[in-house]
């Protein structure tokens, strides 16, 4: 992916108690949106009070009156004669409210980072479009005062909606339970309602974001099914996976912008995570798909690095695309982990050392180094490696994110894509992208089950 193309990016402590209001609540000096979301006030709120992550839907926090209601649509209320209960698979169970706090505390989160997650989700809830989608380029929904809010240059409602859903799912909120039932159900309606017959979830935008967008939305559908076992989601999720399987390049083994057209490490990472999310949820993925992907990763290994570093496009005419980078290394190492590498594999440790030498920093105006895409993948790798690698990485990243979150005004809870230094893809992908990626990093403590527990390593 060259910098000239408009694509989704590639290899890319507070004292408050999260079980109550913080002692110093940030001011939300904006009126509530016209479309009432569950849990939001109709009137102008003098201060933003966040629900307890463990609260049930009936708890009062933002709304003094009973404003919560369930959508009378496919994912708001059951429309089929089936009993639906939230019984997530083990890999997702740790996100449930009764498990989330314990896992967060034991794995390196703080009260401040948990509050940042709740603030961020509230931002997303306030900026959802009436039809359930989120957008990268028009999240202002026509409201004034957003001229410098970080609207994206690129357009992909599929990617924006998928990323936002993943942020809600990561914190344990689904369309069946929690204070964001309405928002999540409406977003699932949007994705499934716009899915094509062949399973494709991409709605519109540049062709360069096609498979990025589909992969991200597919992860969201698979997680929604895995977390709830809602039978209405099984077919759409399987169809989304089938589209990915059919889109894999038959000889190169990866994916790029369009089905069966070349391969690159960046696009391949999102498809891999969708396939694994689906497989964990009980959906069907053929073993040959993973075998071909392993072939691509072997090809994308940097020469002389024994699998510890990776490139974007091994045969590219552009030197930077065929040279190893921390971004592609982080993404490829995560794929290797999900494909069976043990966490004490010398190749993995060497790669993690490489990432550790490139800790998250904003950098300077002349040398910016902010890159949410890289941080997102490297955070997951370090979380799986654990030990000193994870402790060092987490201590650096967690407080960097918490301390840079917007804490006042109508953008409270979000992150500025251009300040204090611009994110590598901030201008192209905008505030919704940066905010959702930051939330997913702050949810890593309970969003992902350590693979060494699953694989017995």
Protein backbone atom coordinates (compact mmCIF):
# COMPACT_ATOMS: atom_id res chain seq x y z
CA UNK A 1 0.00 0.00 0.00
CA UNK A 2 1.55 3.25 -1.03
CA UNK A 3 1.05 6.51 0.78
CA UNK A 4 -0.64 7.87 -2.34
CA UNK A 5 -3.54 5.47 -2.15
CA UNK A 6 -6.52 6.11 0.07
CA UNK A 7 -6.70 2.91 2.04
CA UNK A 8 -7.32 1.87 5.56
CA UNK A 9 -3.91 1.86 7.25
CA UNK A 10 -1.54 -0.97 7.48
CA UNK A 11 1.09 -2.26 9.76
CA UNK A 12 -0.83 -0.06 11.82
CA UNK A 13 -3.89 5.89 35.75
CA UNK A 14 -6.46 7.51 37.17
CA UNK A 15 -7.82 7.52 40.71
CA UNK A 16 -11.49 7.18 39.74
CA UNK A 17 -13.29 4.01 40.66
CA UNK A 18 -15.05 2.51 37.68
CA UNK A 19 -17.78 1.22 39.93
CA UNK A 20 -19.12 4.69 40.56
CA UNK A 21 -18.78 8.23 39.35
CA UNK A 22 -15.39 9.80 39.26
CA UNK A 23 -14.67 12.45 41.83
CA UNK A 24 -14.03 15.02 39.11
CA UNK A 25 -16.48 14.53 36.26
CA UNK A 26 -15.65 16.08 32.88
CA UNK A 27 -18.14 18.58 31.59
CA UNK A 28 -20.27 17.73 28.58
CA UNK A 29 -21.42 21.11 27.35
CA UNK A 30 -23.48 19.90 24.44
CA UNK A 31 -27.13 18.97 23.96
CA UNK A 32 -28.04 15.34 23.52
CA UNK A 33 -28.50 14.28 19.89
CA UNK A 34 -31.95 14.37 18.38
CA UNK A 35 -32.02 10.61 18.02
CA UNK A 36 -32.34 9.33 21.56
CA UNK A 37 -29.96 6.51 22.34
CA UNK A 38 -30.57 4.18 25.22
CA UNK A 39 -29.13 5.58 28.40
CA UNK A 40 -28.74 9.19 27.20
CA UNK A 41 -30.60 12.21 28.52
CA UNK A 42 -33.14 14.20 26.57
CA UNK A 43 -32.10 17.42 28.30
CA UNK A 44 -28.76 19.18 28.51
CA UNK A 45 -26.61 17.28 31.00
CA UNK A 46 -24.40 19.46 33.27
CA UNK A 47 -21.94 16.61 33.74
CA UNK A 48 -21.24 13.31 32.14
CA UNK A 49 -21.85 10.44 34.56
CA UNK A 50 -20.95 7.05 33.24
CA UNK A 51 -22.71 3.81 33.98
CA UNK A 52 -20.92 1.18 35.99
CA UNK A 53 -19.51 -1.38 33.55
CA UNK A 54 -21.28 -3.96 35.71
CA UNK A 55 -24.63 -2.18 35.62
CA UNK A 56 -27.66 -3.89 34.20
CA UNK A 57 -29.82 -2.23 31.54
CA UNK A 58 -32.33 -1.04 34.14
CA UNK A 59 -29.77 0.88 36.21
CA UNK A 60 -30.05 4.66 36.25
CA UNK A 61 -27.01 6.70 35.39
CA UNK A 62 -27.28 9.17 32.58
CA UNK A 63 -31.03 9.06 32.26
CA UNK A 64 -33.20 10.04 35.26
CA UNK A 65 -36.25 8.46 33.66
CA UNK A 66 -36.86 5.17 31.92
CA UNK A 67 -35.74 5.99 28.38
CA UNK A 68 -34.42 2.58 27.39
CA UNK A 69 -36.28 0.67 24.78
CA UNK A 70 -35.57 -2.23 22.47
CA UNK A 71 -35.68 -1.91 18.72
CA UNK A 72 -38.59 -3.71 17.17
CA UNK A 73 -36.29 -4.99 14.46
CA UNK A 74 -34.24 -8.05 13.77
CA UNK A 75 -31.48 -7.53 16.30
CA UNK A 76 -33.36 -5.36 18.80
CA UNK A 77 -35.96 -7.95 19.83
CA UNK A 78 -36.24 -11.59 18.79
CA UNK A 79 -38.54 -11.98 15.78
CA UNK A 80 -38.27 -15.75 15.53
CA UNK A 81 -39.61 -18.49 17.77
CA UNK A 82 -36.33 -19.20 19.51
CA UNK A 83 -34.95 -18.64 22.93
CA UNK A 84 -31.86 -16.43 22.87
CA UNK A 85 -29.57 -16.19 25.85
CA UNK A 86 -26.15 -14.68 26.29
CA UNK A 87 -23.98 -17.75 26.67
CA UNK A 88 -20.68 -16.74 25.13
CA UNK A 89 -18.03 -19.22 24.16
CA UNK A 90 -15.16 -19.42 26.69
CA UNK A 91 -12.90 -17.17 24.62
CA UNK A 92 -15.42 -14.32 24.92
CA UNK A 93 -16.80 -15.05 28.41
CA UNK A 94 -14.18 -12.94 30.17
CA UNK A 95 -15.77 -9.82 28.65
CA UNK A 96 -19.00 -10.32 30.59
CA UNK A 97 -19.53 -7.72 33.33
CA UNK A 98 -18.97 -10.17 36.18
CA UNK A 99 -15.60 -11.18 34.69
CA UNK A 100 -14.39 -7.94 33.11
CA UNK A 101 -13.30 -6.07 36.23
CA UNK A 102 -11.33 -9.00 37.62
CA UNK A 103 -9.51 -9.62 34.36
CA UNK A 104 -8.77 -5.95 33.83
CA UNK A 105 -7.19 -5.54 37.26
CA UNK A 106 -5.12 -8.72 37.11
CA UNK A 107 -3.71 -8.03 33.65
CA UNK A 108 -2.60 -4.42 33.93
CA UNK A 109 -5.59 -2.09 33.58
CA UNK A 110 -6.29 0.77 35.98
CA UNK A 111 -9.38 2.60 37.15
CA UNK A 112 -8.30 5.38 34.79
CA UNK A 113 -8.02 3.13 31.76
CA UNK A 114 -11.41 1.55 32.48
CA UNK A 115 -13.01 4.97 32.79
CA UNK A 116 -11.40 5.93 29.48
CA UNK A 117 -13.11 2.95 27.86
CA UNK A 118 -16.51 4.00 29.18
CA UNK A 119 -15.97 7.60 28.07
CA UNK A 120 -14.98 6.42 24.62
CA UNK A 121 -18.00 4.19 24.20
CA UNK A 122 -20.27 7.03 25.25
CA UNK A 123 -18.67 9.17 22.51
CA UNK A 124 -19.43 6.50 19.95
CA UNK A 125 -23.03 6.13 21.17
CA UNK A 126 -23.54 9.88 20.72
CA UNK A 127 -22.18 9.83 17.17
CA UNK A 128 -24.05 6.93 15.64
CA UNK A 129 -26.11 7.71 12.56
CA UNK A 130 -29.91 7.29 12.72
CA UNK A 131 -29.80 4.16 10.56
CA UNK A 132 -27.32 2.40 12.86
CA UNK A 133 -24.08 2.91 11.02
CA UNK A 134 -20.99 4.85 11.99
CA UNK A 135 -19.08 6.79 9.39
CA UNK A 136 -15.46 7.84 9.13
CA UNK A 137 -16.08 10.99 7.12
CA UNK A 138 -19.48 12.26 8.33
CA UNK A 139 -19.77 11.28 11.99
CA UNK A 140 -20.88 14.84 12.81
CA UNK A 141 -24.31 13.85 11.38
CA UNK A 142 -24.74 17.40 10.07
CA UNK A 143 -24.39 19.08 13.48
CA UNK A 144 -22.49 22.38 13.79
CA UNK A 145 -19.12 22.80 15.48
CA UNK A 146 -17.37 19.84 13.87
CA UNK A 147 -15.39 21.71 11.25
CA UNK A 148 -12.07 20.75 12.86
CA UNK A 149 -13.24 17.50 14.48
CA UNK A 150 -11.08 15.17 12.43
CA UNK A 151 -13.49 13.97 9.77
CA UNK A 152 -11.78 11.39 7.58
CA UNK A 153 -10.71 11.87 4.00
CA UNK A 154 -11.63 8.28 3.13
CA UNK A 155 -15.11 6.80 3.18
CA UNK A 156 -16.11 3.38 4.49
CA UNK A 157 -19.22 3.05 6.63
CA UNK A 158 -18.65 -0.71 6.79
CA UNK A 159 -15.24 -0.29 8.42
CA UNK A 160 -16.43 2.45 10.78
CA UNK A 161 -19.45 0.39 11.89
CA UNK A 162 -17.36 -2.75 12.33
CA UNK A 163 -14.72 -0.98 14.41
CA UNK A 164 -17.32 0.67 16.63
CA UNK A 165 -19.10 -2.64 17.20
CA UNK A 166 -15.81 -4.30 18.13
CA UNK A 167 -15.25 -1.60 20.74
CA UNK A 168 -18.66 -2.29 22.32
CA UNK A 169 -18.17 -6.05 22.16
CA UNK A 170 -14.69 -5.73 23.65
CA UNK A 171 -16.21 -4.19 26.79
CA UNK A 172 -18.95 -6.85 26.99
CA UNK A 173 -21.89 -4.92 25.54
CA UNK A 174 -24.14 -6.74 23.06
CA UNK A 175 -27.53 -6.32 21.41
CA UNK A 176 -29.07 -8.59 24.08
CA UNK A 177 -27.71 -7.08 27.29
CA UNK A 178 -26.17 -3.92 28.65
CA UNK A 179 -26.82 -0.20 28.38
CA UNK A 180 -25.90 -0.10 24.69
CA UNK A 181 -28.39 -2.73 23.48
CA UNK A 182 -30.05 -0.31 21.11
CA UNK A 183 -26.89 1.01 19.52
CA UNK A 184 -25.41 -2.45 19.00
CA UNK A 185 -28.64 -3.91 17.65
CA UNK A 186 -29.11 -1.04 15.24
CA UNK A 187 -25.54 -1.40 13.95
CA UNK A 188 -25.98 -5.14 13.41
CA UNK A 189 -29.17 -4.39 11.50
CA UNK A 190 -27.18 -2.07 9.26
CA UNK A 191 -24.45 -4.61 8.51
CA UNK A 192 -26.72 -7.59 7.93
CA UNK A 193 -29.29 -5.52 6.05
CA UNK A 194 -26.63 -4.41 3.58
CA UNK A 195 -24.86 -7.75 3.18
CA UNK A 196 -24.78 -8.97 -0.40
CA UNK A 197 -25.89 -12.42 -1.49
CA UNK A 198 -22.30 -13.64 -1.72
CA UNK A 199 -21.60 -12.54 1.87
CA UNK A 200 -19.79 -9.30 1.03
CA UNK A 201 -20.33 -6.62 3.71
CA UNK A 202 -18.74 -3.67 1.88
CA UNK A 203 -21.24 -0.95 1.04
CA UNK A 204 -19.38 1.94 -0.60
CA UNK A 205 -16.07 3.75 -0.72
CA UNK A 206 -12.75 3.49 -2.49
CA UNK A 207 -11.99 0.05 -3.95
CA UNK A 208 -8.75 0.12 -1.95
CA UNK A 209 -10.70 -0.24 1.30
CA UNK A 210 -12.95 -3.07 0.10
CA UNK A 211 -11.40 -6.12 1.79
CA UNK A 212 -10.12 -4.12 4.76
CA UNK A 213 -13.72 -3.09 5.42
CA UNK A 214 -15.21 -6.52 4.86
CA UNK A 215 -12.64 -8.15 7.13
CA UNK A 216 -13.28 -5.72 9.98
CA UNK A 217 -17.06 -6.07 9.73
CA UNK A 218 -16.73 -9.86 9.54
CA UNK A 219 -14.83 -9.91 12.83
CA UNK A 220 -17.69 -7.92 14.35
CA UNK A 221 -20.38 -10.32 13.09
CA UNK A 222 -18.42 -13.36 14.28
CA UNK A 223 -17.85 -11.82 17.71
CA UNK A 224 -21.53 -10.89 17.99
CA UNK A 225 -22.48 -14.50 17.27
CA UNK A 226 -19.81 -15.93 19.56
CA UNK A 227 -20.80 -13.67 22.44
CA UNK A 228 -24.57 -14.25 22.23
CA UNK A 229 -25.22 -17.42 20.25
CA UNK A 230 -28.05 -15.51 18.58
CA UNK A 231 -29.12 -17.95 15.82
CA UNK A 232 -30.10 -15.04 13.55
CA UNK A 233 -26.44 -14.12 13.30
CA UNK A 234 -25.03 -17.50 12.37
CA UNK A 235 -25.85 -17.42 8.66
CA UNK A 236 -24.70 -13.82 8.05
CA UNK A 237 -21.45 -14.50 9.91
CA UNK A 238 -20.79 -17.73 8.02
CA UNK A 239 -21.53 -16.03 4.70
CA UNK A 240 -19.04 -13.29 5.56
CA UNK A 241 -16.40 -15.94 6.24
CA UNK A 242 -17.25 -17.78 3.04
CA UNK A 243 -16.62 -14.57 1.11
CA UNK A 244 -13.17 -14.27 2.73
CA UNK A 245 -12.35 -17.89 1.98
CA UNK A 246 -13.34 -17.46 -1.69
CA UNK A 247 -11.40 -14.17 -1.91
CA UNK A 248 -8.08 -15.70 -0.87
CA UNK A 249 -5.44 -15.70 -3.59
CA UNK A 250 -5.20 -19.33 -4.75
CA UNK A 251 -1.41 -19.43 -5.06
CA UNK A 252 0.00 -16.53 -3.03
CA UNK A 253 -2.19 -17.44 -0.05
CA UNK A 254 -3.08 -13.97 1.22
CA UNK A 255 -5.51 -11.18 0.46
CA UNK A 256 -5.24 -7.67 -0.91
CA UNK A 257 -7.72 -5.01 -1.96
CA UNK A 258 -10.05 -7.16 -4.07
CA UNK A 259 -10.83 -10.92 -4.19
CA UNK A 260 -8.07 -13.13 -5.57
CA UNK A 261 -5.97 -10.17 -6.69
CA UNK A 262 -2.49 -10.38 -5.21
CA UNK A 263 -1.68 -10.55 -1.51
CA UNK A 264 -0.19 -8.26 1.13
CA UNK A 265 0.51 -8.72 4.82
CA UNK A 266 -1.70 -5.84 5.91
CA UNK A 267 -5.03 -6.86 4.38
CA UNK A 268 -4.30 -10.50 5.20
CA UNK A 269 -4.15 -9.77 8.94
CA UNK A 270 -7.76 -8.59 9.11
CA UNK A 271 -9.03 -11.61 7.17
CA UNK A 272 -7.06 -13.93 9.44
CA UNK A 273 -8.59 -12.42 12.58
CA UNK A 274 -12.09 -12.74 11.08
CA UNK A 275 -11.49 -16.40 10.25
CA UNK A 276 -10.18 -17.14 13.75
CA UNK A 277 -13.06 -15.27 15.42
CA UNK A 278 -15.46 -17.33 13.34
CA UNK A 279 -13.70 -20.60 14.07
CA UNK A 280 -13.71 -19.88 17.81
CA UNK A 281 -17.45 -19.20 17.52
CA UNK A 282 -18.11 -22.60 15.95
CA UNK A 283 -18.28 -21.50 12.31
CA UNK A 284 -16.67 -23.36 9.43
CA UNK A 285 -13.20 -22.53 8.13
CA UNK A 286 -11.30 -25.08 6.00
CA UNK A 287 -7.80 -26.00 7.07
CA UNK A 288 -6.48 -25.34 3.58
CA UNK A 289 -7.20 -21.62 4.04
CA UNK A 290 -4.79 -21.49 6.95
CA UNK A 291 -2.22 -23.59 5.09
CA UNK A 292 -2.18 -21.11 2.22
CA UNK A 293 -1.88 -18.20 4.62
CA UNK A 294 1.11 -19.84 6.28
CA UNK A 295 2.65 -19.96 2.83
CA UNK A 296 2.17 -16.22 2.42
CA UNK A 297 3.79 -15.53 5.79
CA UNK A 298 6.76 -17.70 4.85
CA UNK A 299 7.11 -15.63 1.68
CA UNK A 300 6.75 -12.32 3.56
CA UNK A 301 9.53 -13.13 6.04
CA UNK A 302 12.41 -10.70 5.80
CA UNK A 303 15.51 -12.30 4.39
CA UNK A 304 17.99 -13.46 7.03
CA UNK A 305 15.61 -12.84 9.95
CA UNK A 306 14.41 -16.45 10.48
CA UNK A 307 10.80 -15.39 10.68
CA UNK A 308 11.23 -12.65 13.29
CA UNK A 309 10.55 -9.72 10.91
CA UNK A 310 8.16 -9.24 8.03
CA UNK A 311 7.50 -7.06 5.00
CA UNK A 312 4.39 -5.69 3.31
CA UNK A 313 4.99 -6.71 -0.30
CA UNK A 314 8.04 -8.94 -0.87
CA UNK A 315 8.08 -8.42 -4.66
CA UNK A 316 7.28 -4.69 -4.67
CA UNK A 317 9.33 -2.29 -6.76
CA UNK A 318 9.21 0.17 -3.87
CA UNK A 319 12.05 -0.51 -1.39
CA UNK A 320 10.03 0.50 1.68
CA UNK A 321 7.33 -2.06 0.83
CA UNK A 322 9.77 -4.96 0.58
CA UNK A 323 11.75 -3.92 3.67
CA UNK A 324 10.91 -5.20 7.18
CA UNK A 325 8.90 -2.85 9.39
CA UNK A 326 7.60 -2.91 12.94
CA UNK A 327 4.05 -2.56 11.62
CA UNK A 328 4.11 -5.57 9.35
CA UNK A 329 6.13 -7.55 11.88
CA UNK A 330 3.52 -6.96 14.59
CA UNK A 331 0.66 -7.99 12.31
CA UNK A 332 2.45 -11.06 10.95
CA UNK A 333 3.58 -12.24 14.39
CA UNK A 334 -0.01 -12.09 15.64
CA UNK A 335 -1.07 -14.22 12.70
CA UNK A 336 1.73 -16.67 13.49
CA UNK A 337 0.49 -16.93 17.07
CA UNK A 338 -3.05 -17.74 15.97
CA UNK A 339 -1.67 -20.25 13.49
CA UNK A 340 0.08 -22.17 16.24
CA UNK A 341 3.42 -20.62 17.18
CA UNK A 342 4.16 -21.08 20.87
CA UNK A 343 4.76 -17.96 22.91
CA UNK A 344 8.30 -19.06 23.80
CA UNK A 345 9.26 -19.64 20.16
CA UNK A 346 12.69 -17.99 19.62
CA UNK A 347 11.43 -16.37 16.40
CA UNK A 348 8.52 -14.80 18.26
CA UNK A 349 10.74 -13.57 21.10
CA UNK A 350 13.19 -12.03 18.61
CA UNK A 351 10.30 -10.28 16.89
CA UNK A 352 8.91 -9.06 20.22
CA UNK A 353 12.35 -7.66 21.08
CA UNK A 354 12.21 -5.71 17.81
CA UNK A 355 8.82 -4.28 18.75
CA UNK A 356 9.98 -3.49 22.28
CA UNK A 357 12.73 -1.30 20.82
CA UNK A 358 9.92 0.73 19.17
CA UNK A 359 7.63 1.60 22.08
CA UNK A 360 4.52 3.74 21.52
CA UNK A 361 5.38 7.43 21.40
CA UNK A 362 3.86 10.49 19.79
CA UNK A 363 7.23 11.78 18.65
CA UNK A 364 7.79 15.38 17.60
CA UNK A 365 6.49 17.69 14.89
CA UNK A 366 9.59 16.99 12.79
CA UNK A 367 9.66 13.27 13.60
CA UNK A 368 6.13 12.04 14.41
CA UNK A 369 5.91 8.39 15.45
CA UNK A 370 2.25 8.02 16.38
CA UNK A 371 0.68 5.00 14.68
CA UNK A 372 -2.48 3.44 16.15
CA UNK A 373 -2.39 0.67 13.56
CA UNK A 374 1.05 -0.49 14.69
CA UNK A 375 0.19 -0.06 18.37
CA UNK A 376 -3.00 -2.12 17.93
CA UNK A 377 -1.28 -5.18 16.53
CA UNK A 378 1.86 -4.90 18.68
CA UNK A 379 -0.30 -4.62 21.82
CA UNK A 380 -1.91 -7.96 21.05
CA UNK A 381 1.45 -9.61 20.37
CA UNK A 382 2.94 -8.31 23.63
CA UNK A 383 -0.17 -9.35 25.56
CA UNK A 384 0.26 -12.90 24.29
CA UNK A 385 4.01 -12.97 25.02
CA UNK A 386 3.41 -11.60 28.55
CA UNK A 387 6.32 -11.22 30.99
CA UNK A 388 8.64 -8.19 30.78
CA UNK A 389 7.67 -7.54 27.17
CA UNK A 390 4.01 -7.02 28.11
CA UNK A 391 4.75 -5.13 31.34
CA UNK A 392 7.01 -2.62 29.60
CA UNK A 393 4.73 -2.16 26.60
CA UNK A 394 1.56 -1.84 28.70
CA UNK A 395 3.07 0.70 31.10
CA UNK A 396 4.04 2.88 28.16
CA UNK A 397 0.90 2.59 26.07
CA UNK A 398 -1.87 2.57 28.69
CA UNK A 399 -1.00 5.92 30.28
CA UNK A 400 -0.20 7.50 26.92
CA UNK A 401 -3.72 6.73 25.73
CA UNK A 402 -5.50 7.63 28.97
CA UNK A 403 -3.72 10.97 29.31
CA UNK A 404 -4.41 12.05 25.71
CA UNK A 405 -8.17 11.37 25.66
CA UNK A 406 -10.42 14.41 25.14
CA UNK A 407 -12.04 15.30 28.47
CA UNK A 408 -14.37 18.20 27.67
CA UNK A 409 -16.67 19.57 24.99
CA UNK A 410 -18.73 17.73 22.43
CA UNK A 411 -15.83 15.44 21.52
CA UNK A 412 -15.34 14.20 25.08
CA UNK A 413 -14.27 10.56 25.18
CA UNK A 414 -12.60 10.56 21.77
CA UNK A 415 -9.01 10.98 20.67
CA UNK A 416 -7.78 13.71 18.34
CA UNK A 417 -6.34 12.08 15.20
CA UNK A 418 -4.07 15.08 14.56
CA UNK A 419 -2.87 16.14 18.02
CA UNK A 420 -0.61 16.42 19.89
CA UNK A 421 1.05 14.81 16.85
CA UNK A 422 -0.83 13.43 13.87
CA UNK A 423 -1.46 9.72 13.74
CA UNK A 424 0.11 8.08 10.71
CA UNK A 425 -3.35 7.53 9.23
CA UNK A 426 -5.19 10.24 11.17
CA UNK A 427 -6.00 12.47 8.23
CA UNK A 428 -7.13 9.66 5.99
CA UNK A 429 -9.14 7.61 8.52
CA UNK A 430 -10.09 10.32 11.06
CA UNK A 431 -11.37 10.49 14.63
CA UNK A 432 -13.68 7.46 14.60
CA UNK A 433 -10.85 5.23 13.43
CA UNK A 434 -8.34 6.54 15.96
CA UNK A 435 -10.87 6.42 18.81
CA UNK A 436 -12.01 2.87 18.13
CA UNK A 437 -8.46 1.59 17.74
CA UNK A 438 -7.48 3.23 21.05
CA UNK A 439 -10.49 1.64 22.75
CA UNK A 440 -9.60 -1.79 21.44
CA UNK A 441 -6.10 -1.41 22.86
CA UNK A 442 -7.46 -0.38 26.28
CA UNK A 443 -9.79 -3.41 26.22
CA UNK A 444 -7.04 -5.93 25.49
CA UNK A 445 -6.98 -7.07 29.15
CA UNK A 446 -10.30 -8.87 28.73
CA UNK A 447 -11.03 -8.68 25.01
CA UNK A 448 -8.56 -11.46 24.23
CA UNK A 449 -8.01 -14.71 26.08
CA UNK A 450 -4.29 -15.42 26.47
CA UNK A 451 -3.51 -18.03 23.83
CA UNK A 452 -1.11 -19.90 26.08
CA UNK A 453 -4.10 -20.77 28.27
CA UNK A 454 -6.08 -21.96 25.27
CA UNK A 455 -3.23 -23.87 23.64
CA UNK A 456 -1.66 -25.20 26.84
CA UNK A 457 1.64 -23.43 26.29
